[in-house]
Amino acid sequence: SAIALVGVALHALFGWWWADPVAA
């Protein structure tokens, strides 16, 4: 859950589209 949250948060805060797939 923490890994998923970091990926989603990075995408939401900075617009890094690749953060969520990298977290996955």
PDBML (XML) file of the C-alpha atoms, coordinates in Angstrom:
<?xml version="1.0" encoding="UTF-8" ?>
<PDBx:datablock datablockName="MODEL"
   xmlns:PDBx="http://pdbml.pdb.org/schema/pdbx-v50.xsd"
   xmlns:xsi="http://www.w3.org/2001/XMLSchema-instance"
   xsi:schemaLocation="http://pdbml.pdb.org/schema/pdbx-v50.xsd pdbx-v50.xsd">
   <PDBx:atom_siteCategory>
      <PDBx:atom_site id="1">
         <PDBx:B_iso_or_equiv>0.00</PDBx:B_iso_or_equiv>
         <PDBx:Cartn_x>0.000</PDBx:Cartn_x>
         <PDBx:Cartn_y>0.000</PDBx:Cartn_y>
         <PDBx:Cartn_z>0.000</PDBx:Cartn_z>
         <PDBx:auth_asym_id>A</PDBx:auth_asym_id>
         <PDBx:auth_atom_id>CA</PDBx:auth_atom_id>
         <PDBx:auth_comp_id>SER</PDBx:auth_comp_id>
         <PDBx:auth_seq_id>1</PDBx:auth_seq_id>
         <PDBx:group_PDB>ATOM</PDBx:group_PDB>
         <PDBx:label_alt_id xsi:nil="true" />
         <PDBx:label_asym_id>A</PDBx:label_asym_id>
         <PDBx:label_atom_id>CA</PDBx:label_atom_id>
         <PDBx:label_comp_id>SER</PDBx:label_comp_id>
         <PDBx:label_entity_id>1</PDBx:label_entity_id>
         <PDBx:label_seq_id>1</PDBx:label_seq_id>
         <PDBx:occupancy>1.00</PDBx:occupancy>
         <PDBx:pdbx_PDB_model_num>1</PDBx:pdbx_PDB_model_num>
         <PDBx:type_symbol>C</PDBx:type_symbol>
      </PDBx:atom_site>
      <PDBx:atom_site id="2">
         <PDBx:B_iso_or_equiv>0.00</PDBx:B_iso_or_equiv>
         <PDBx:Cartn_x>2.830</PDBx:Cartn_x>
         <PDBx:Cartn_y>2.407</PDBx:Cartn_y>
         <PDBx:Cartn_z>0.808</PDBx:Cartn_z>
         <PDBx:auth_asym_id>A</PDBx:auth_asym_id>
         <PDBx:auth_atom_id>CA</PDBx:auth_atom_id>
         <PDBx:auth_comp_id>ALA</PDBx:auth_comp_id>
         <PDBx:auth_seq_id>2</PDBx:auth_seq_id>
         <PDBx:group_PDB>ATOM</PDBx:group_PDB>
         <PDBx:label_alt_id xsi:nil="true" />
         <PDBx:label_asym_id>A</PDBx:label_asym_id>
         <PDBx:label_atom_id>CA</PDBx:label_atom_id>
         <PDBx:label_comp_id>ALA</PDBx:label_comp_id>
         <PDBx:label_entity_id>1</PDBx:label_entity_id>
         <PDBx:label_seq_id>2</PDBx:label_seq_id>
         <PDBx:occupancy>1.00</PDBx:occupancy>
         <PDBx:pdbx_PDB_model_num>1</PDBx:pdbx_PDB_model_num>
         <PDBx:type_symbol>C</PDBx:type_symbol>
      </PDBx:atom_site>
      <PDBx:atom_site id="3">
         <PDBx:B_iso_or_equiv>0.00</PDBx:B_iso_or_equiv>
         <PDBx:Cartn_x>4.517</PDBx:Cartn_x>
         <PDBx:Cartn_y>1.711</PDBx:Cartn_y>
         <PDBx:Cartn_z>-2.529</PDBx:Cartn_z>
         <PDBx:auth_asym_id>A</PDBx:auth_asym_id>
         <PDBx:auth_atom_id>CA</PDBx:auth_atom_id>
         <PDBx:auth_comp_id>ILE</PDBx:auth_comp_id>
         <PDBx:auth_seq_id>3</PDBx:auth_seq_id>
         <PDBx:group_PDB>ATOM</PDBx:group_PDB>
         <PDBx:label_alt_id xsi:nil="true" />
         <PDBx:label_asym_id>A</PDBx:label_asym_id>
         <PDBx:label_atom_id>CA</PDBx:label_atom_id>
         <PDBx:label_comp_id>ILE</PDBx:label_comp_id>
         <PDBx:label_entity_id>1</PDBx:label_entity_id>
         <PDBx:label_seq_id>3</PDBx:label_seq_id>
         <PDBx:occupancy>1.00</PDBx:occupancy>
         <PDBx:pdbx_PDB_model_num>1</PDBx:pdbx_PDB_model_num>
         <PDBx:type_symbol>C</PDBx:type_symbol>
      </PDBx:atom_site>
      <PDBx:atom_site id="4">
         <PDBx:B_iso_or_equiv>0.00</PDBx:B_iso_or_equiv>
         <PDBx:Cartn_x>1.238</PDBx:Cartn_x>
         <PDBx:Cartn_y>2.273</PDBx:Cartn_y>
         <PDBx:Cartn_z>-4.383</PDBx:Cartn_z>
         <PDBx:auth_asym_id>A</PDBx:auth_asym_id>
         <PDBx:auth_atom_id>CA</PDBx:auth_atom_id>
         <PDBx:auth_comp_id>ALA</PDBx:auth_comp_id>
         <PDBx:auth_seq_id>4</PDBx:auth_seq_id>
         <PDBx:group_PDB>ATOM</PDBx:group_PDB>
         <PDBx:label_alt_id xsi:nil="true" />
         <PDBx:label_asym_id>A</PDBx:label_asym_id>
         <PDBx:label_atom_id>CA</PDBx:label_atom_id>
         <PDBx:label_comp_id>ALA</PDBx:label_comp_id>
         <PDBx:label_entity_id>1</PDBx:label_entity_id>
         <PDBx:label_seq_id>4</PDBx:label_seq_id>
         <PDBx:occupancy>1.00</PDBx:occupancy>
         <PDBx:pdbx_PDB_model_num>1</PDBx:pdbx_PDB_model_num>
         <PDBx:type_symbol>C</PDBx:type_symbol>
      </PDBx:atom_site>
      <PDBx:atom_site id="5">
         <PDBx:B_iso_or_equiv>0.00</PDBx:B_iso_or_equiv>
         <PDBx:Cartn_x>0.561</PDBx:Cartn_x>
         <PDBx:Cartn_y>5.479</PDBx:Cartn_y>
         <PDBx:Cartn_z>-2.450</PDBx:Cartn_z>
         <PDBx:auth_asym_id>A</PDBx:auth_asym_id>
         <PDBx:auth_atom_id>CA</PDBx:auth_atom_id>
         <PDBx:auth_comp_id>LEU</PDBx:auth_comp_id>
         <PDBx:auth_seq_id>5</PDBx:auth_seq_id>
         <PDBx:group_PDB>ATOM</PDBx:group_PDB>
         <PDBx:label_alt_id xsi:nil="true" />
         <PDBx:label_asym_id>A</PDBx:label_asym_id>
         <PDBx:label_atom_id>CA</PDBx:label_atom_id>
         <PDBx:label_comp_id>LEU</PDBx:label_comp_id>
         <PDBx:label_entity_id>1</PDBx:label_entity_id>
         <PDBx:label_seq_id>5</PDBx:label_seq_id>
         <PDBx:occupancy>1.00</PDBx:occupancy>
         <PDBx:pdbx_PDB_model_num>1</PDBx:pdbx_PDB_model_num>
         <PDBx:type_symbol>C</PDBx:type_symbol>
      </PDBx:atom_site>
      <PDBx:atom_site id="6">
         <PDBx:B_iso_or_equiv>0.00</PDBx:B_iso_or_equiv>
         <PDBx:Cartn_x>3.990</PDBx:Cartn_x>
         <PDBx:Cartn_y>6.897</PDBx:Cartn_y>
         <PDBx:Cartn_z>-3.283</PDBx:Cartn_z>
         <PDBx:auth_asym_id>A</PDBx:auth_asym_id>
         <PDBx:auth_atom_id>CA</PDBx:auth_atom_id>
         <PDBx:auth_comp_id>VAL</PDBx:auth_comp_id>
         <PDBx:auth_seq_id>6</PDBx:auth_seq_id>
         <PDBx:group_PDB>ATOM</PDBx:group_PDB>
         <PDBx:label_alt_id xsi:nil="true" />
         <PDBx:label_asym_id>A</PDBx:label_asym_id>
         <PDBx:label_atom_id>CA</PDBx:label_atom_id>
         <PDBx:label_comp_id>VAL</PDBx:label_comp_id>
         <PDBx:label_entity_id>1</PDBx:label_entity_id>
         <PDBx:label_seq_id>6</PDBx:label_seq_id>
         <PDBx:occupancy>1.00</PDBx:occupancy>
         <PDBx:pdbx_PDB_model_num>1</PDBx:pdbx_PDB_model_num>
         <PDBx:type_symbol>C</PDBx:type_symbol>
      </PDBx:atom_site>
      <PDBx:atom_site id="7">
         <PDBx:B_iso_or_equiv>0.00</PDBx:B_iso_or_equiv>
         <PDBx:Cartn_x>3.462</PDBx:Cartn_x>
         <PDBx:Cartn_y>6.188</PDBx:Cartn_y>
         <PDBx:Cartn_z>-6.980</PDBx:Cartn_z>
         <PDBx:auth_asym_id>A</PDBx:auth_asym_id>
         <PDBx:auth_atom_id>CA</PDBx:auth_atom_id>
         <PDBx:auth_comp_id>GLY</PDBx:auth_comp_id>
         <PDBx:auth_seq_id>7</PDBx:auth_seq_id>
         <PDBx:group_PDB>ATOM</PDBx:group_PDB>
         <PDBx:label_alt_id xsi:nil="true" />
         <PDBx:label_asym_id>A</PDBx:label_asym_id>
         <PDBx:label_atom_id>CA</PDBx:label_atom_id>
         <PDBx:label_comp_id>GLY</PDBx:label_comp_id>
         <PDBx:label_entity_id>1</PDBx:label_entity_id>
         <PDBx:label_seq_id>7</PDBx:label_seq_id>
         <PDBx:occupancy>1.00</PDBx:occupancy>
         <PDBx:pdbx_PDB_model_num>1</PDBx:pdbx_PDB_model_num>
         <PDBx:type_symbol>C</PDBx:type_symbol>
      </PDBx:atom_site>
      <PDBx:atom_site id="8">
         <PDBx:B_iso_or_equiv>0.00</PDBx:B_iso_or_equiv>
         <PDBx:Cartn_x>0.025</PDBx:Cartn_x>
         <PDBx:Cartn_y>7.792</PDBx:Cartn_y>
         <PDBx:Cartn_z>-7.042</PDBx:Cartn_z>
         <PDBx:auth_asym_id>A</PDBx:auth_asym_id>
         <PDBx:auth_atom_id>CA</PDBx:auth_atom_id>
         <PDBx:auth_comp_id>VAL</PDBx:auth_comp_id>
         <PDBx:auth_seq_id>8</PDBx:auth_seq_id>
         <PDBx:group_PDB>ATOM</PDBx:group_PDB>
         <PDBx:label_alt_id xsi:nil="true" />
         <PDBx:label_asym_id>A</PDBx:label_asym_id>
         <PDBx:label_atom_id>CA</PDBx:label_atom_id>
         <PDBx:label_comp_id>VAL</PDBx:label_comp_id>
         <PDBx:label_entity_id>1</PDBx:label_entity_id>
         <PDBx:label_seq_id>8</PDBx:label_seq_id>
         <PDBx:occupancy>1.00</PDBx:occupancy>
         <PDBx:pdbx_PDB_model_num>1</PDBx:pdbx_PDB_model_num>
         <PDBx:type_symbol>C</PDBx:type_symbol>
      </PDBx:atom_site>
      <PDBx:atom_site id="9">
         <PDBx:B_iso_or_equiv>0.00</PDBx:B_iso_or_equiv>
         <PDBx:Cartn_x>1.187</PDBx:Cartn_x>
         <PDBx:Cartn_y>10.767</PDBx:Cartn_y>
         <PDBx:Cartn_z>-4.949</PDBx:Cartn_z>
         <PDBx:auth_asym_id>A</PDBx:auth_asym_id>
         <PDBx:auth_atom_id>CA</PDBx:auth_atom_id>
         <PDBx:auth_comp_id>ALA</PDBx:auth_comp_id>
         <PDBx:auth_seq_id>9</PDBx:auth_seq_id>
         <PDBx:group_PDB>ATOM</PDBx:group_PDB>
         <PDBx:label_alt_id xsi:nil="true" />
         <PDBx:label_asym_id>A</PDBx:label_asym_id>
         <PDBx:label_atom_id>CA</PDBx:label_atom_id>
         <PDBx:label_comp_id>ALA</PDBx:label_comp_id>
         <PDBx:label_entity_id>1</PDBx:label_entity_id>
         <PDBx:label_seq_id>9</PDBx:label_seq_id>
         <PDBx:occupancy>1.00</PDBx:occupancy>
         <PDBx:pdbx_PDB_model_num>1</PDBx:pdbx_PDB_model_num>
         <PDBx:type_symbol>C</PDBx:type_symbol>
      </PDBx:atom_site>
      <PDBx:atom_site id="10">
         <PDBx:B_iso_or_equiv>0.00</PDBx:B_iso_or_equiv>
         <PDBx:Cartn_x>4.147</PDBx:Cartn_x>
         <PDBx:Cartn_y>11.466</PDBx:Cartn_y>
         <PDBx:Cartn_z>-7.220</PDBx:Cartn_z>
         <PDBx:auth_asym_id>A</PDBx:auth_asym_id>
         <PDBx:auth_atom_id>CA</PDBx:auth_atom_id>
         <PDBx:auth_comp_id>LEU</PDBx:auth_comp_id>
         <PDBx:auth_seq_id>10</PDBx:auth_seq_id>
         <PDBx:group_PDB>ATOM</PDBx:group_PDB>
         <PDBx:label_alt_id xsi:nil="true" />
         <PDBx:label_asym_id>A</PDBx:label_asym_id>
         <PDBx:label_atom_id>CA</PDBx:label_atom_id>
         <PDBx:label_comp_id>LEU</PDBx:label_comp_id>
         <PDBx:label_entity_id>1</PDBx:label_entity_id>
         <PDBx:label_seq_id>10</PDBx:label_seq_id>
         <PDBx:occupancy>1.00</PDBx:occupancy>
         <PDBx:pdbx_PDB_model_num>1</PDBx:pdbx_PDB_model_num>
         <PDBx:type_symbol>C</PDBx:type_symbol>
      </PDBx:atom_site>
      <PDBx:atom_site id="11">
         <PDBx:B_iso_or_equiv>0.00</PDBx:B_iso_or_equiv>
         <PDBx:Cartn_x>1.842</PDBx:Cartn_x>
         <PDBx:Cartn_y>11.372</PDBx:Cartn_y>
         <PDBx:Cartn_z>-10.221</PDBx:Cartn_z>
         <PDBx:auth_asym_id>A</PDBx:auth_asym_id>
         <PDBx:auth_atom_id>CA</PDBx:auth_atom_id>
         <PDBx:auth_comp_id>HIS</PDBx:auth_comp_id>
         <PDBx:auth_seq_id>11</PDBx:auth_seq_id>
         <PDBx:group_PDB>ATOM</PDBx:group_PDB>
         <PDBx:label_alt_id xsi:nil="true" />
         <PDBx:label_asym_id>A</PDBx:label_asym_id>
         <PDBx:label_atom_id>CA</PDBx:label_atom_id>
         <PDBx:label_comp_id>HIS</PDBx:label_comp_id>
         <PDBx:label_entity_id>1</PDBx:label_entity_id>
         <PDBx:label_seq_id>11</PDBx:label_seq_id>
         <PDBx:occupancy>1.00</PDBx:occupancy>
         <PDBx:pdbx_PDB_model_num>1</PDBx:pdbx_PDB_model_num>
         <PDBx:type_symbol>C</PDBx:type_symbol>
      </PDBx:atom_site>
      <PDBx:atom_site id="12">
         <PDBx:B_iso_or_equiv>0.00</PDBx:B_iso_or_equiv>
         <PDBx:Cartn_x>-0.707</PDBx:Cartn_x>
         <PDBx:Cartn_y>13.666</PDBx:Cartn_y>
         <PDBx:Cartn_z>-8.561</PDBx:Cartn_z>
         <PDBx:auth_asym_id>A</PDBx:auth_asym_id>
         <PDBx:auth_atom_id>CA</PDBx:auth_atom_id>
         <PDBx:auth_comp_id>ALA</PDBx:auth_comp_id>
         <PDBx:auth_seq_id>12</PDBx:auth_seq_id>
         <PDBx:group_PDB>ATOM</PDBx:group_PDB>
         <PDBx:label_alt_id xsi:nil="true" />
         <PDBx:label_asym_id>A</PDBx:label_asym_id>
         <PDBx:label_atom_id>CA</PDBx:label_atom_id>
         <PDBx:label_comp_id>ALA</PDBx:label_comp_id>
         <PDBx:label_entity_id>1</PDBx:label_entity_id>
         <PDBx:label_seq_id>12</PDBx:label_seq_id>
         <PDBx:occupancy>1.00</PDBx:occupancy>
         <PDBx:pdbx_PDB_model_num>1</PDBx:pdbx_PDB_model_num>
         <PDBx:type_symbol>C</PDBx:type_symbol>
      </PDBx:atom_site>
      <PDBx:atom_site id="13">
         <PDBx:B_iso_or_equiv>0.00</PDBx:B_iso_or_equiv>
         <PDBx:Cartn_x>1.779</PDBx:Cartn_x>
         <PDBx:Cartn_y>16.158</PDBx:Cartn_y>
         <PDBx:Cartn_z>-7.112</PDBx:Cartn_z>
         <PDBx:auth_asym_id>A</PDBx:auth_asym_id>
         <PDBx:auth_atom_id>CA</PDBx:auth_atom_id>
         <PDBx:auth_comp_id>LEU</PDBx:auth_comp_id>
         <PDBx:auth_seq_id>13</PDBx:auth_seq_id>
         <PDBx:group_PDB>ATOM</PDBx:group_PDB>
         <PDBx:label_alt_id xsi:nil="true" />
         <PDBx:label_asym_id>A</PDBx:label_asym_id>
         <PDBx:label_atom_id>CA</PDBx:label_atom_id>
         <PDBx:label_comp_id>LEU</PDBx:label_comp_id>
         <PDBx:label_entity_id>1</PDBx:label_entity_id>
         <PDBx:label_seq_id>13</PDBx:label_seq_id>
         <PDBx:occupancy>1.00</PDBx:occupancy>
         <PDBx:pdbx_PDB_model_num>1</PDBx:pdbx_PDB_model_num>
         <PDBx:type_symbol>C</PDBx:type_symbol>
      </PDBx:atom_site>
      <PDBx:atom_site id="14">
         <PDBx:B_iso_or_equiv>0.00</PDBx:B_iso_or_equiv>
         <PDBx:Cartn_x>4.329</PDBx:Cartn_x>
         <PDBx:Cartn_y>16.436</PDBx:Cartn_y>
         <PDBx:Cartn_z>-9.887</PDBx:Cartn_z>
         <PDBx:auth_asym_id>A</PDBx:auth_asym_id>
         <PDBx:auth_atom_id>CA</PDBx:auth_atom_id>
         <PDBx:auth_comp_id>PHE</PDBx:auth_comp_id>
         <PDBx:auth_seq_id>14</PDBx:auth_seq_id>
         <PDBx:group_PDB>ATOM</PDBx:group_PDB>
         <PDBx:label_alt_id xsi:nil="true" />
         <PDBx:label_asym_id>A</PDBx:label_asym_id>
         <PDBx:label_atom_id>CA</PDBx:label_atom_id>
         <PDBx:label_comp_id>PHE</PDBx:label_comp_id>
         <PDBx:label_entity_id>1</PDBx:label_entity_id>
         <PDBx:label_seq_id>14</PDBx:label_seq_id>
         <PDBx:occupancy>1.00</PDBx:occupancy>
         <PDBx:pdbx_PDB_model_num>1</PDBx:pdbx_PDB_model_num>
         <PDBx:type_symbol>C</PDBx:type_symbol>
      </PDBx:atom_site>
      <PDBx:atom_site id="15">
         <PDBx:B_iso_or_equiv>0.00</PDBx:B_iso_or_equiv>
         <PDBx:Cartn_x>2.514</PDBx:Cartn_x>
         <PDBx:Cartn_y>15.049</PDBx:Cartn_y>
         <PDBx:Cartn_z>-12.915</PDBx:Cartn_z>
         <PDBx:auth_asym_id>A</PDBx:auth_asym_id>
         <PDBx:auth_atom_id>CA</PDBx:auth_atom_id>
         <PDBx:auth_comp_id>GLY</PDBx:auth_comp_id>
         <PDBx:auth_seq_id>15</PDBx:auth_seq_id>
         <PDBx:group_PDB>ATOM</PDBx:group_PDB>
         <PDBx:label_alt_id xsi:nil="true" />
         <PDBx:label_asym_id>A</PDBx:label_asym_id>
         <PDBx:label_atom_id>CA</PDBx:label_atom_id>
         <PDBx:label_comp_id>GLY</PDBx:label_comp_id>
         <PDBx:label_entity_id>1</PDBx:label_entity_id>
         <PDBx:label_seq_id>15</PDBx:label_seq_id>
         <PDBx:occupancy>1.00</PDBx:occupancy>
         <PDBx:pdbx_PDB_model_num>1</PDBx:pdbx_PDB_model_num>
         <PDBx:type_symbol>C</PDBx:type_symbol>
      </PDBx:atom_site>
      <PDBx:atom_site id="16">
         <PDBx:B_iso_or_equiv>0.00</PDBx:B_iso_or_equiv>
         <PDBx:Cartn_x>5.065</PDBx:Cartn_x>
         <PDBx:Cartn_y>12.278</PDBx:Cartn_y>
         <PDBx:Cartn_z>-13.318</PDBx:Cartn_z>
         <PDBx:auth_asym_id>A</PDBx:auth_asym_id>
         <PDBx:auth_atom_id>CA</PDBx:auth_atom_id>
         <PDBx:auth_comp_id>TRP</PDBx:auth_comp_id>
         <PDBx:auth_seq_id>16</PDBx:auth_seq_id>
         <PDBx:group_PDB>ATOM</PDBx:group_PDB>
         <PDBx:label_alt_id xsi:nil="true" />
         <PDBx:label_asym_id>A</PDBx:label_asym_id>
         <PDBx:label_atom_id>CA</PDBx:label_atom_id>
         <PDBx:label_comp_id>TRP</PDBx:label_comp_id>
         <PDBx:label_entity_id>1</PDBx:label_entity_id>
         <PDBx:label_seq_id>16</PDBx:label_seq_id>
         <PDBx:occupancy>1.00</PDBx:occupancy>
         <PDBx:pdbx_PDB_model_num>1</PDBx:pdbx_PDB_model_num>
         <PDBx:type_symbol>C</PDBx:type_symbol>
      </PDBx:atom_site>
      <PDBx:atom_site id="17">
         <PDBx:B_iso_or_equiv>0.00</PDBx:B_iso_or_equiv>
         <PDBx:Cartn_x>2.998</PDBx:Cartn_x>
         <PDBx:Cartn_y>9.887</PDBx:Cartn_y>
         <PDBx:Cartn_z>-15.440</PDBx:Cartn_z>
         <PDBx:auth_asym_id>A</PDBx:auth_asym_id>
         <PDBx:auth_atom_id>CA</PDBx:auth_atom_id>
         <PDBx:auth_comp_id>TRP</PDBx:auth_comp_id>
         <PDBx:auth_seq_id>17</PDBx:auth_seq_id>
         <PDBx:group_PDB>ATOM</PDBx:group_PDB>
         <PDBx:label_alt_id xsi:nil="true" />
         <PDBx:label_asym_id>A</PDBx:label_asym_id>
         <PDBx:label_atom_id>CA</PDBx:label_atom_id>
         <PDBx:label_comp_id>TRP</PDBx:label_comp_id>
         <PDBx:label_entity_id>1</PDBx:label_entity_id>
         <PDBx:label_seq_id>17</PDBx:label_seq_id>
         <PDBx:occupancy>1.00</PDBx:occupancy>
         <PDBx:pdbx_PDB_model_num>1</PDBx:pdbx_PDB_model_num>
         <PDBx:type_symbol>C</PDBx:type_symbol>
      </PDBx:atom_site>
      <PDBx:atom_site id="18">
         <PDBx:B_iso_or_equiv>0.00</PDBx:B_iso_or_equiv>
         <PDBx:Cartn_x>5.637</PDBx:Cartn_x>
         <PDBx:Cartn_y>7.187</PDBx:Cartn_y>
         <PDBx:Cartn_z>-15.073</PDBx:Cartn_z>
         <PDBx:auth_asym_id>A</PDBx:auth_asym_id>
         <PDBx:auth_atom_id>CA</PDBx:auth_atom_id>
         <PDBx:auth_comp_id>TRP</PDBx:auth_comp_id>
         <PDBx:auth_seq_id>18</PDBx:auth_seq_id>
         <PDBx:group_PDB>ATOM</PDBx:group_PDB>
         <PDBx:label_alt_id xsi:nil="true" />
         <PDBx:label_asym_id>A</PDBx:label_asym_id>
         <PDBx:label_atom_id>CA</PDBx:label_atom_id>
         <PDBx:label_comp_id>TRP</PDBx:label_comp_id>
         <PDBx:label_entity_id>1</PDBx:label_entity_id>
         <PDBx:label_seq_id>18</PDBx:label_seq_id>
         <PDBx:occupancy>1.00</PDBx:occupancy>
         <PDBx:pdbx_PDB_model_num>1</PDBx:pdbx_PDB_model_num>
         <PDBx:type_symbol>C</PDBx:type_symbol>
      </PDBx:atom_site>
      <PDBx:atom_site id="19">
         <PDBx:B_iso_or_equiv>0.00</PDBx:B_iso_or_equiv>
         <PDBx:Cartn_x>5.660</PDBx:Cartn_x>
         <PDBx:Cartn_y>7.115</PDBx:Cartn_y>
         <PDBx:Cartn_z>-11.246</PDBx:Cartn_z>
         <PDBx:auth_asym_id>A</PDBx:auth_asym_id>
         <PDBx:auth_atom_id>CA</PDBx:auth_atom_id>
         <PDBx:auth_comp_id>ALA</PDBx:auth_comp_id>
         <PDBx:auth_seq_id>19</PDBx:auth_seq_id>
         <PDBx:group_PDB>ATOM</PDBx:group_PDB>
         <PDBx:label_alt_id xsi:nil="true" />
         <PDBx:label_asym_id>A</PDBx:label_asym_id>
         <PDBx:label_atom_id>CA</PDBx:label_atom_id>
         <PDBx:label_comp_id>ALA</PDBx:label_comp_id>
         <PDBx:label_entity_id>1</PDBx:label_entity_id>
         <PDBx:label_seq_id>19</PDBx:label_seq_id>
         <PDBx:occupancy>1.00</PDBx:occupancy>
         <PDBx:pdbx_PDB_model_num>1</PDBx:pdbx_PDB_model_num>
         <PDBx:type_symbol>C</PDBx:type_symbol>
      </PDBx:atom_site>
      <PDBx:atom_site id="20">
         <PDBx:B_iso_or_equiv>0.00</PDBx:B_iso_or_equiv>
         <PDBx:Cartn_x>2.601</PDBx:Cartn_x>
         <PDBx:Cartn_y>4.885</PDBx:Cartn_y>
         <PDBx:Cartn_z>-10.880</PDBx:Cartn_z>
         <PDBx:auth_asym_id>A</PDBx:auth_asym_id>
         <PDBx:auth_atom_id>CA</PDBx:auth_atom_id>
         <PDBx:auth_comp_id>ASP</PDBx:auth_comp_id>
         <PDBx:auth_seq_id>20</PDBx:auth_seq_id>
         <PDBx:group_PDB>ATOM</PDBx:group_PDB>
         <PDBx:label_alt_id xsi:nil="true" />
         <PDBx:label_asym_id>A</PDBx:label_asym_id>
         <PDBx:label_atom_id>CA</PDBx:label_atom_id>
         <PDBx:label_comp_id>ASP</PDBx:label_comp_id>
         <PDBx:label_entity_id>1</PDBx:label_entity_id>
         <PDBx:label_seq_id>20</PDBx:label_seq_id>
         <PDBx:occupancy>1.00</PDBx:occupancy>
         <PDBx:pdbx_PDB_model_num>1</PDBx:pdbx_PDB_model_num>
         <PDBx:type_symbol>C</PDBx:type_symbol>
      </PDBx:atom_site>
      <PDBx:atom_site id="21">
         <PDBx:B_iso_or_equiv>0.00</PDBx:B_iso_or_equiv>
         <PDBx:Cartn_x>3.834</PDBx:Cartn_x>
         <PDBx:Cartn_y>2.207</PDBx:Cartn_y>
         <PDBx:Cartn_z>-13.342</PDBx:Cartn_z>
         <PDBx:auth_asym_id>A</PDBx:auth_asym_id>
         <PDBx:auth_atom_id>CA</PDBx:auth_atom_id>
         <PDBx:auth_comp_id>PRO</PDBx:auth_comp_id>
         <PDBx:auth_seq_id>21</PDBx:auth_seq_id>
         <PDBx:group_PDB>ATOM</PDBx:group_PDB>
         <PDBx:label_alt_id xsi:nil="true" />
         <PDBx:label_asym_id>A</PDBx:label_asym_id>
         <PDBx:label_atom_id>CA</PDBx:label_atom_id>
         <PDBx:label_comp_id>PRO</PDBx:label_comp_id>
         <PDBx:label_entity_id>1</PDBx:label_entity_id>
         <PDBx:label_seq_id>21</PDBx:label_seq_id>
         <PDBx:occupancy>1.00</PDBx:occupancy>
         <PDBx:pdbx_PDB_model_num>1</PDBx:pdbx_PDB_model_num>
         <PDBx:type_symbol>C</PDBx:type_symbol>
      </PDBx:atom_site>
      <PDBx:atom_site id="22">
         <PDBx:B_iso_or_equiv>0.00</PDBx:B_iso_or_equiv>
         <PDBx:Cartn_x>7.276</PDBx:Cartn_x>
         <PDBx:Cartn_y>2.256</PDBx:Cartn_y>
         <PDBx:Cartn_z>-11.695</PDBx:Cartn_z>
         <PDBx:auth_asym_id>A</PDBx:auth_asym_id>
         <PDBx:auth_atom_id>CA</PDBx:auth_atom_id>
         <PDBx:auth_comp_id>VAL</PDBx:auth_comp_id>
         <PDBx:auth_seq_id>22</PDBx:auth_seq_id>
         <PDBx:group_PDB>ATOM</PDBx:group_PDB>
         <PDBx:label_alt_id xsi:nil="true" />
         <PDBx:label_asym_id>A</PDBx:label_asym_id>
         <PDBx:label_atom_id>CA</PDBx:label_atom_id>
         <PDBx:label_comp_id>VAL</PDBx:label_comp_id>
         <PDBx:label_entity_id>1</PDBx:label_entity_id>
         <PDBx:label_seq_id>22</PDBx:label_seq_id>
         <PDBx:occupancy>1.00</PDBx:occupancy>
         <PDBx:pdbx_PDB_model_num>1</PDBx:pdbx_PDB_model_num>
         <PDBx:type_symbol>C</PDBx:type_symbol>
      </PDBx:atom_site>
      <PDBx:atom_site id="23">
         <PDBx:B_iso_or_equiv>0.00</PDBx:B_iso_or_equiv>
         <PDBx:Cartn_x>5.638</PDBx:Cartn_x>
         <PDBx:Cartn_y>1.732</PDBx:Cartn_y>
         <PDBx:Cartn_z>-8.301</PDBx:Cartn_z>
         <PDBx:auth_asym_id>A</PDBx:auth_asym_id>
         <PDBx:auth_atom_id>CA</PDBx:auth_atom_id>
         <PDBx:auth_comp_id>ALA</PDBx:auth_comp_id>
         <PDBx:auth_seq_id>23</PDBx:auth_seq_id>
         <PDBx:group_PDB>ATOM</PDBx:group_PDB>
         <PDBx:label_alt_id xsi:nil="true" />
         <PDBx:label_asym_id>A</PDBx:label_asym_id>
         <PDBx:label_atom_id>CA</PDBx:label_atom_id>
         <PDBx:label_comp_id>ALA</PDBx:label_comp_id>
         <PDBx:label_entity_id>1</PDBx:label_entity_id>
         <PDBx:label_seq_id>23</PDBx:label_seq_id>
         <PDBx:occupancy>1.00</PDBx:occupancy>
         <PDBx:pdbx_PDB_model_num>1</PDBx:pdbx_PDB_model_num>
         <PDBx:type_symbol>C</PDBx:type_symbol>
      </PDBx:atom_site>
      <PDBx:atom_site id="24">
         <PDBx:B_iso_or_equiv>0.00</PDBx:B_iso_or_equiv>
         <PDBx:Cartn_x>3.715</PDBx:Cartn_x>
         <PDBx:Cartn_y>-1.214</PDBx:Cartn_y>
         <PDBx:Cartn_z>-9.746</PDBx:Cartn_z>
         <PDBx:auth_asym_id>A</PDBx:auth_asym_id>
         <PDBx:auth_atom_id>CA</PDBx:auth_atom_id>
         <PDBx:auth_comp_id>ALA</PDBx:auth_comp_id>
         <PDBx:auth_seq_id>24</PDBx:auth_seq_id>
         <PDBx:group_PDB>ATOM</PDBx:group_PDB>
         <PDBx:label_alt_id xsi:nil="true" />
         <PDBx:label_asym_id>A</PDBx:label_asym_id>
         <PDBx:label_atom_id>CA</PDBx:label_atom_id>
         <PDBx:label_comp_id>ALA</PDBx:label_comp_id>
         <PDBx:label_entity_id>1</PDBx:label_entity_id>
         <PDBx:label_seq_id>24</PDBx:label_seq_id>
         <PDBx:occupancy>1.00</PDBx:occupancy>
         <PDBx:pdbx_PDB_model_num>1</PDBx:pdbx_PDB_model_num>
         <PDBx:type_symbol>C</PDBx:type_symbol>
      </PDBx:atom_site>
   </PDBx:atom_siteCategory>
</PDBx:datablock>
